[in-house]
Amino acid sequence: MLTEFGKVFAFILTAILFVLIAVFASKLIRPARPTREKLTTYECGENPEGSPWVKFNIRFYVVALIFLIFDVEVVMLIPWALVYKSLGMAGFLVGAIFLVLLGIGMAYEWRKGDLEWARPKISPLTLTKKEPPENIIDKELTLAE
């Protein structure tokens, strides 16, 4: 008899075998007729312009990651909203703390400027040497004489 872990292992092994067999069968069955049109980069039905290896603005990835983070956190609120009355005051406080932390995270992202599409350019600090006033130089000269 299989233990519980053995059943899970058998299920995972069956799933991996099913995927490998499906991929191999599709490779054998499909027709292989590559044409120039099929090998071009697909851009929503439009003819591609330029190289497909264009570097995207990092803002696309930052916005996507911020969306995923806050989206997952909001999804975590749904089970809490369904059962928080049965959890009493402790359940309410846990949810409230979670919402406060979510608000702090959102404020941090807003303050940092990651929610703005065009971030303002931050100019680097430059150190300039200030010349001493004229009267200090004259006093030093008179003291030296």
N, C-alpha and C. Protein backbone atom coordinates (compact mmCIF):
# COMPACT_ATOMS: atom_id res chain seq x y z
N MET A 1 0.83 -1.19 0.00
CA MET A 1 0.00 0.00 0.00
C MET A 1 0.88 1.25 0.00
N LEU A 2 0.41 2.24 -0.71
CA LEU A 2 1.15 3.49 -0.78
C LEU A 2 0.83 4.38 0.42
N THR A 3 1.83 5.07 0.89
CA THR A 3 1.58 6.05 1.94
C THR A 3 1.01 7.31 1.29
N GLU A 4 0.68 8.28 2.10
CA GLU A 4 0.12 9.53 1.57
C GLU A 4 1.13 10.23 0.65
N PHE A 5 2.41 10.23 1.04
CA PHE A 5 3.43 10.85 0.20
C PHE A 5 3.64 10.06 -1.09
N GLY A 6 3.48 8.76 -1.01
CA GLY A 6 3.59 7.92 -2.21
C GLY A 6 2.49 8.22 -3.21
N LYS A 7 1.30 8.50 -2.70
CA LYS A 7 0.18 8.86 -3.59
C LYS A 7 0.45 10.20 -4.28
N VAL A 8 0.97 11.14 -3.53
CA VAL A 8 1.29 12.45 -4.11
C VAL A 8 2.39 12.29 -5.16
N PHE A 9 3.41 11.50 -4.84
CA PHE A 9 4.50 11.27 -5.80
C PHE A 9 3.98 10.60 -7.06
N ALA A 10 3.10 9.60 -6.92
CA ALA A 10 2.52 8.93 -8.08
C ALA A 10 1.70 9.90 -8.92
N PHE A 11 0.96 10.79 -8.28
CA PHE A 11 0.16 11.79 -9.00
C PHE A 11 1.07 12.75 -9.77
N ILE A 12 2.14 13.24 -9.14
CA ILE A 12 3.06 14.16 -9.81
C ILE A 12 3.77 13.45 -10.97
N LEU A 13 4.17 12.21 -10.75
CA LEU A 13 4.83 11.45 -11.81
C LEU A 13 3.90 11.22 -12.99
N THR A 14 2.64 10.91 -12.71
CA THR A 14 1.65 10.73 -13.79
C THR A 14 1.44 12.03 -14.55
N ALA A 15 1.39 13.15 -13.84
CA ALA A 15 1.21 14.45 -14.50
C ALA A 15 2.39 14.77 -15.40
N ILE A 16 3.60 14.53 -14.94
CA ILE A 16 4.79 14.81 -15.75
C ILE A 16 4.82 13.91 -16.98
N LEU A 17 4.49 12.63 -16.80
CA LEU A 17 4.46 11.72 -17.95
C LEU A 17 3.39 12.13 -18.95
N PHE A 18 2.23 12.55 -18.47
CA PHE A 18 1.17 12.99 -19.37
C PHE A 18 1.63 14.18 -20.21
N VAL A 19 2.29 15.14 -19.59
CA VAL A 19 2.77 16.32 -20.31
C VAL A 19 3.83 15.93 -21.33
N LEU A 20 4.78 15.09 -20.94
CA LEU A 20 5.84 14.68 -21.87
C LEU A 20 5.26 13.90 -23.06
N ILE A 21 4.32 13.00 -22.81
CA ILE A 21 3.71 12.24 -23.90
C ILE A 21 2.93 13.17 -24.83
N ALA A 22 2.19 14.14 -24.27
CA ALA A 22 1.43 15.08 -25.09
C ALA A 22 2.35 15.93 -25.96
N VAL A 23 3.44 16.42 -25.41
CA VAL A 23 4.38 17.24 -26.18
C VAL A 23 5.02 16.41 -27.28
N PHE A 24 5.46 15.22 -26.96
CA PHE A 24 6.09 14.35 -27.95
C PHE A 24 5.10 13.97 -29.06
N ALA A 25 3.85 13.65 -28.71
CA ALA A 25 2.84 13.28 -29.70
C ALA A 25 2.52 14.46 -30.61
N SER A 26 2.42 15.65 -30.05
CA SER A 26 2.13 16.82 -30.88
C SER A 26 3.28 17.13 -31.83
N LYS A 27 4.50 16.87 -31.38
CA LYS A 27 5.66 17.10 -32.25
C LYS A 27 5.67 16.12 -33.42
N LEU A 28 5.21 14.88 -33.19
CA LEU A 28 5.14 13.89 -34.26
C LEU A 28 3.99 14.16 -35.24
N ILE A 29 2.87 14.63 -34.74
CA ILE A 29 1.66 14.77 -35.56
C ILE A 29 1.66 16.06 -36.37
N ARG A 30 2.16 17.14 -35.81
CA ARG A 30 2.02 18.45 -36.47
C ARG A 30 2.80 18.50 -37.79
N PRO A 31 2.28 19.29 -38.72
CA PRO A 31 3.03 19.49 -39.97
C PRO A 31 4.14 20.52 -39.73
N ALA A 32 5.27 20.29 -40.33
CA ALA A 32 6.40 21.22 -40.20
C ALA A 32 6.63 21.89 -41.54
N ARG A 33 5.95 23.01 -41.75
CA ARG A 33 6.10 23.78 -42.98
C ARG A 33 6.40 25.24 -42.64
N PRO A 34 7.61 25.52 -42.18
CA PRO A 34 7.93 26.91 -41.84
C PRO A 34 8.02 27.79 -43.09
N THR A 35 7.43 28.95 -43.02
CA THR A 35 7.53 29.94 -44.09
C THR A 35 8.08 31.24 -43.49
N ARG A 36 8.43 32.15 -44.36
CA ARG A 36 8.95 33.44 -43.89
C ARG A 36 7.90 34.15 -43.05
N GLU A 37 6.65 34.07 -43.46
CA GLU A 37 5.56 34.73 -42.72
C GLU A 37 5.38 34.12 -41.33
N LYS A 38 5.50 32.80 -41.22
CA LYS A 38 5.33 32.13 -39.93
C LYS A 38 6.48 32.41 -38.98
N LEU A 39 7.65 32.69 -39.51
CA LEU A 39 8.82 32.90 -38.66
C LEU A 39 9.02 34.35 -38.23
N THR A 40 8.18 35.27 -38.72
CA THR A 40 8.31 36.66 -38.30
C THR A 40 7.68 36.85 -36.93
N THR A 41 8.07 37.93 -36.27
CA THR A 41 7.51 38.25 -34.96
C THR A 41 6.07 38.72 -35.13
N TYR A 42 5.18 38.19 -34.31
CA TYR A 42 3.76 38.55 -34.40
C TYR A 42 3.49 39.74 -33.50
N GLU A 43 2.91 40.79 -34.08
CA GLU A 43 2.58 41.99 -33.32
C GLU A 43 1.13 42.38 -33.57
N CYS A 44 0.21 41.61 -33.07
CA CYS A 44 -1.23 41.92 -33.13
C CYS A 44 -1.71 42.13 -34.55
N GLY A 45 -1.22 41.37 -35.49
CA GLY A 45 -1.69 41.47 -36.86
C GLY A 45 -1.00 42.55 -37.67
N GLU A 46 -0.15 43.34 -37.06
CA GLU A 46 0.56 44.40 -37.76
C GLU A 46 1.92 43.89 -38.22
N ASN A 47 2.43 44.47 -39.27
CA ASN A 47 3.77 44.11 -39.71
C ASN A 47 4.78 44.61 -38.68
N PRO A 48 5.73 43.77 -38.31
CA PRO A 48 6.70 44.20 -37.30
C PRO A 48 7.63 45.28 -37.84
N GLU A 49 7.99 46.19 -36.96
CA GLU A 49 8.92 47.26 -37.31
C GLU A 49 10.13 47.17 -36.41
N GLY A 50 11.29 47.12 -36.98
CA GLY A 50 12.51 47.08 -36.20
C GLY A 50 12.85 45.69 -35.72
N SER A 51 13.82 45.63 -34.86
CA SER A 51 14.30 44.36 -34.32
C SER A 51 13.38 43.86 -33.21
N PRO A 52 13.19 42.54 -33.11
CA PRO A 52 12.38 42.04 -32.00
C PRO A 52 13.10 42.10 -30.66
N TRP A 53 14.38 42.40 -30.65
CA TRP A 53 15.15 42.45 -29.42
C TRP A 53 15.26 43.88 -28.88
N VAL A 54 14.14 44.58 -28.84
CA VAL A 54 14.11 45.94 -28.35
C VAL A 54 14.08 45.91 -26.82
N LYS A 55 14.85 46.78 -26.19
CA LYS A 55 14.83 46.86 -24.74
C LYS A 55 13.61 47.66 -24.31
N PHE A 56 12.79 47.06 -23.45
CA PHE A 56 11.61 47.75 -22.94
C PHE A 56 11.99 48.61 -21.76
N ASN A 57 11.18 49.62 -21.54
CA ASN A 57 11.36 50.49 -20.39
C ASN A 57 11.11 49.66 -19.13
N ILE A 58 11.94 49.79 -18.14
CA ILE A 58 11.82 49.02 -16.91
C ILE A 58 10.53 49.36 -16.17
N ARG A 59 9.93 50.50 -16.49
CA ARG A 59 8.69 50.90 -15.82
C ARG A 59 7.57 49.90 -16.07
N PHE A 60 7.56 49.24 -17.25
CA PHE A 60 6.54 48.22 -17.51
C PHE A 60 6.61 47.12 -16.46
N TYR A 61 7.80 46.66 -16.16
CA TYR A 61 7.98 45.58 -15.21
C TYR A 61 7.68 46.04 -13.78
N VAL A 62 8.10 47.25 -13.44
CA VAL A 62 7.85 47.77 -12.09
C VAL A 62 6.36 47.90 -11.84
N VAL A 63 5.63 48.46 -12.81
CA VAL A 63 4.18 48.62 -12.65
C VAL A 63 3.51 47.24 -12.55
N ALA A 64 3.95 46.28 -13.35
CA ALA A 64 3.38 44.95 -13.30
C ALA A 64 3.64 44.29 -11.95
N LEU A 65 4.84 44.42 -11.42
CA LEU A 65 5.15 43.82 -10.12
C LEU A 65 4.36 44.48 -8.99
N ILE A 66 4.24 45.80 -9.03
CA ILE A 66 3.46 46.49 -8.00
C ILE A 66 2.01 46.05 -8.07
N PHE A 67 1.47 45.93 -9.28
CA PHE A 67 0.10 45.46 -9.44
C PHE A 67 -0.07 44.06 -8.85
N LEU A 68 0.86 43.16 -9.16
CA LEU A 68 0.76 41.79 -8.65
C LEU A 68 0.83 41.75 -7.13
N ILE A 69 1.73 42.52 -6.55
CA ILE A 69 1.87 42.52 -5.10
C ILE A 69 0.58 42.97 -4.43
N PHE A 70 0.04 44.11 -4.86
CA PHE A 70 -1.16 44.63 -4.21
C PHE A 70 -2.39 43.80 -4.58
N ASP A 71 -2.42 43.22 -5.76
CA ASP A 71 -3.53 42.37 -6.16
C ASP A 71 -3.59 41.12 -5.29
N VAL A 72 -2.47 40.50 -5.06
CA VAL A 72 -2.43 39.30 -4.22
C VAL A 72 -2.83 39.65 -2.79
N GLU A 73 -2.38 40.79 -2.31
CA GLU A 73 -2.75 41.19 -0.96
C GLU A 73 -4.25 41.43 -0.84
N VAL A 74 -4.86 42.03 -1.85
CA VAL A 74 -6.30 42.26 -1.81
C VAL A 74 -7.06 40.94 -1.90
N VAL A 75 -6.56 39.99 -2.67
CA VAL A 75 -7.20 38.67 -2.75
C VAL A 75 -7.17 37.99 -1.39
N MET A 76 -6.14 38.25 -0.59
CA MET A 76 -6.08 37.67 0.75
C MET A 76 -7.16 38.24 1.66
N LEU A 77 -7.72 39.39 1.31
CA LEU A 77 -8.77 39.98 2.13
C LEU A 77 -10.12 39.29 1.95
N ILE A 78 -10.34 38.61 0.84
CA ILE A 78 -11.65 38.01 0.57
C ILE A 78 -12.01 36.95 1.60
N PRO A 79 -11.14 35.97 1.89
CA PRO A 79 -11.51 35.00 2.93
C PRO A 79 -11.70 35.65 4.30
N TRP A 80 -10.89 36.63 4.60
CA TRP A 80 -11.03 37.33 5.87
C TRP A 80 -12.38 38.04 5.95
N ALA A 81 -12.80 38.68 4.86
CA ALA A 81 -14.07 39.40 4.85
C ALA A 81 -15.25 38.45 5.04
N LEU A 82 -15.11 37.22 4.59
CA LEU A 82 -16.21 36.27 4.72
C LEU A 82 -16.36 35.72 6.13
N VAL A 83 -15.28 35.66 6.90
CA VAL A 83 -15.36 35.00 8.21
C VAL A 83 -14.96 35.89 9.38
N TYR A 84 -14.72 37.16 9.17
CA TYR A 84 -14.18 37.95 10.27
C TYR A 84 -15.18 38.13 11.40
N LYS A 85 -16.48 38.08 11.14
CA LYS A 85 -17.46 38.21 12.22
C LYS A 85 -17.37 37.03 13.19
N SER A 86 -17.09 35.84 12.64
CA SER A 86 -17.00 34.67 13.51
C SER A 86 -15.69 34.64 14.30
N LEU A 87 -14.70 35.42 13.88
CA LEU A 87 -13.42 35.45 14.57
C LEU A 87 -13.40 36.43 15.74
N GLY A 88 -14.40 37.29 15.81
CA GLY A 88 -14.50 38.24 16.91
C GLY A 88 -13.54 39.41 16.74
N MET A 89 -13.24 40.04 17.86
CA MET A 89 -12.40 41.24 17.86
C MET A 89 -10.97 40.93 17.41
N ALA A 90 -10.45 39.75 17.76
CA ALA A 90 -9.10 39.39 17.36
C ALA A 90 -9.00 39.30 15.84
N GLY A 91 -10.00 38.71 15.20
CA GLY A 91 -10.01 38.63 13.74
C GLY A 91 -10.10 40.00 13.10
N PHE A 92 -10.90 40.88 13.72
CA PHE A 92 -11.00 42.24 13.19
C PHE A 92 -9.67 42.97 13.30
N LEU A 93 -8.99 42.81 14.43
CA LEU A 93 -7.71 43.50 14.61
C LEU A 93 -6.65 42.97 13.66
N VAL A 94 -6.63 41.67 13.42
CA VAL A 94 -5.68 41.12 12.46
C VAL A 94 -5.92 41.71 11.07
N GLY A 95 -7.18 41.77 10.66
CA GLY A 95 -7.51 42.37 9.36
C GLY A 95 -7.18 43.85 9.31
N ALA A 96 -7.43 44.55 10.41
CA ALA A 96 -7.12 45.98 10.45
C ALA A 96 -5.62 46.21 10.35
N ILE A 97 -4.83 45.39 11.05
CA ILE A 97 -3.38 45.53 10.96
C ILE A 97 -2.91 45.25 9.54
N PHE A 98 -3.49 44.25 8.91
CA PHE A 98 -3.14 43.94 7.52
C PHE A 98 -3.46 45.12 6.60
N LEU A 99 -4.64 45.72 6.79
CA LEU A 99 -5.02 46.87 5.96
C LEU A 99 -4.11 48.07 6.22
N VAL A 100 -3.70 48.27 7.46
CA VAL A 100 -2.78 49.38 7.77
C VAL A 100 -1.45 49.14 7.07
N LEU A 101 -0.94 47.91 7.15
CA LEU A 101 0.32 47.61 6.47
C LEU A 101 0.18 47.77 4.95
N LEU A 102 -0.96 47.38 4.41
CA LEU A 102 -1.20 47.57 2.98
C LEU A 102 -1.21 49.06 2.63
N GLY A 103 -1.84 49.87 3.48
CA GLY A 103 -1.85 51.31 3.26
C GLY A 103 -0.47 51.93 3.36
N ILE A 104 0.33 51.46 4.32
CA ILE A 104 1.70 51.96 4.46
C ILE A 104 2.52 51.61 3.22
N GLY A 105 2.35 50.38 2.72
CA GLY A 105 3.06 49.98 1.50
C GLY A 105 2.66 50.83 0.30
N MET A 106 1.36 51.11 0.19
CA MET A 106 0.89 51.94 -0.91
C MET A 106 1.42 53.37 -0.78
N ALA A 107 1.42 53.91 0.43
CA ALA A 107 1.96 55.26 0.64
C ALA A 107 3.45 55.31 0.31
N TYR A 108 4.17 54.26 0.69
CA TYR A 108 5.61 54.20 0.39
C TYR A 108 5.85 54.21 -1.12
N GLU A 109 5.09 53.39 -1.85
CA GLU A 109 5.24 53.36 -3.30
C GLU A 109 4.87 54.70 -3.92
N TRP A 110 3.83 55.33 -3.39
CA TRP A 110 3.40 56.62 -3.90
C TRP A 110 4.47 57.67 -3.64
N ARG A 111 5.00 57.69 -2.41
CA ARG A 111 6.02 58.67 -2.04
C ARG A 111 7.30 58.46 -2.84
N LYS A 112 7.63 57.19 -3.09
CA LYS A 112 8.84 56.87 -3.84
C LYS A 112 8.71 57.29 -5.31
N GLY A 113 7.48 57.42 -5.81
CA GLY A 113 7.26 57.84 -7.19
C GLY A 113 7.08 56.68 -8.14
N ASP A 114 6.94 55.46 -7.62
CA ASP A 114 6.79 54.30 -8.51
C ASP A 114 5.40 54.19 -9.10
N LEU A 115 4.43 54.93 -8.60
CA LEU A 115 3.09 54.89 -9.17
C LEU A 115 2.93 55.88 -10.32
N GLU A 116 3.88 56.77 -10.47
CA GLU A 116 3.86 57.73 -11.57
C GLU A 116 4.51 57.10 -12.79
N TRP A 117 3.92 57.32 -13.95
CA TRP A 117 4.50 56.71 -15.15
C TRP A 117 5.81 57.40 -15.52
N ALA A 118 5.81 58.72 -15.50
CA ALA A 118 7.04 59.46 -15.85
C ALA A 118 7.61 59.99 -14.55
N ARG A 119 8.65 59.33 -14.07
CA ARG A 119 9.27 59.76 -12.83
C ARG A 119 10.07 61.03 -13.06
N PRO A 120 10.06 61.94 -12.10
CA PRO A 120 10.86 63.15 -12.26
C PRO A 120 12.35 62.82 -12.22
N LYS A 121 13.10 63.53 -13.02
CA LYS A 121 14.56 63.32 -13.05
C LYS A 121 15.17 63.90 -11.78
N ILE A 122 15.96 63.11 -11.14
CA ILE A 122 16.64 63.57 -9.94
C ILE A 122 18.07 63.93 -10.34
N SER A 123 18.40 65.19 -10.18
CA SER A 123 19.74 65.62 -10.58
C SER A 123 20.72 65.24 -9.48
N PRO A 124 21.88 64.73 -9.88
CA PRO A 124 22.87 64.35 -8.86
C PRO A 124 23.44 65.59 -8.18
N LEU A 125 23.82 65.42 -6.92
CA LEU A 125 24.42 66.53 -6.18
C LEU A 125 25.81 66.81 -6.71
N THR A 126 26.11 68.09 -6.87
CA THR A 126 27.45 68.47 -7.32
C THR A 126 28.08 69.34 -6.23
N LEU A 127 29.30 69.06 -5.93
CA LEU A 127 30.02 69.83 -4.93
C LEU A 127 30.84 70.91 -5.63
N THR A 128 30.62 72.12 -5.21
CA THR A 128 31.38 73.23 -5.78
C THR A 128 32.20 73.86 -4.66
N LYS A 129 33.39 74.26 -5.01
CA LYS A 129 34.27 74.88 -4.04
C LYS A 129 33.99 76.38 -4.01
N LYS A 130 33.65 76.89 -2.82
CA LYS A 130 33.35 78.31 -2.69
C LYS A 130 34.65 79.07 -2.40
N GLU A 131 34.81 80.16 -3.07
CA GLU A 131 35.97 81.02 -2.83
C GLU A 131 35.71 81.87 -1.58
N PRO A 132 36.72 82.03 -0.76
CA PRO A 132 36.51 82.87 0.44
C PRO A 132 36.31 84.33 0.03
N PRO A 133 35.61 85.07 0.86
CA PRO A 133 35.41 86.50 0.54
C PRO A 133 36.73 87.26 0.49
N GLU A 134 36.73 88.38 -0.23
CA GLU A 134 37.93 89.18 -0.45
C GLU A 134 38.52 89.72 0.86
N ASN A 135 37.67 90.15 1.78
CA ASN A 135 38.18 90.80 3.00
C ASN A 135 38.95 89.81 3.88
N ILE A 136 38.65 88.51 3.85
CA ILE A 136 39.39 87.53 4.64
C ILE A 136 40.81 87.38 4.07
N ILE A 137 40.94 87.39 2.76
CA ILE A 137 42.26 87.28 2.15
C ILE A 137 43.11 88.49 2.52
N ASP A 138 42.52 89.70 2.51
CA ASP A 138 43.27 90.91 2.86
C ASP A 138 43.73 90.86 4.31
N LYS A 139 42.87 90.36 5.24
CA LYS A 139 43.25 90.29 6.65
C LYS A 139 44.41 89.33 6.85
N GLU A 140 44.40 88.23 6.12
CA GLU A 140 45.48 87.25 6.25
C GLU A 140 46.79 87.83 5.75
N LEU A 141 46.73 88.63 4.69
CA LEU A 141 47.92 89.24 4.16
C LEU A 141 48.50 90.26 5.14
N THR A 142 47.66 91.04 5.80
CA THR A 142 48.16 92.04 6.74
C THR A 142 48.75 91.39 7.97
N LEU A 143 48.18 90.27 8.40
CA LEU A 143 48.73 89.57 9.57
C LEU A 143 50.08 88.94 9.26
N ALA A 144 50.27 88.49 8.07
CA ALA A 144 51.51 87.84 7.69
C ALA A 144 52.65 88.85 7.55
N GLU A 145 52.37 90.09 7.26
CA GLU A 145 53.41 91.09 7.05
C GLU A 145 53.89 91.56 8.36
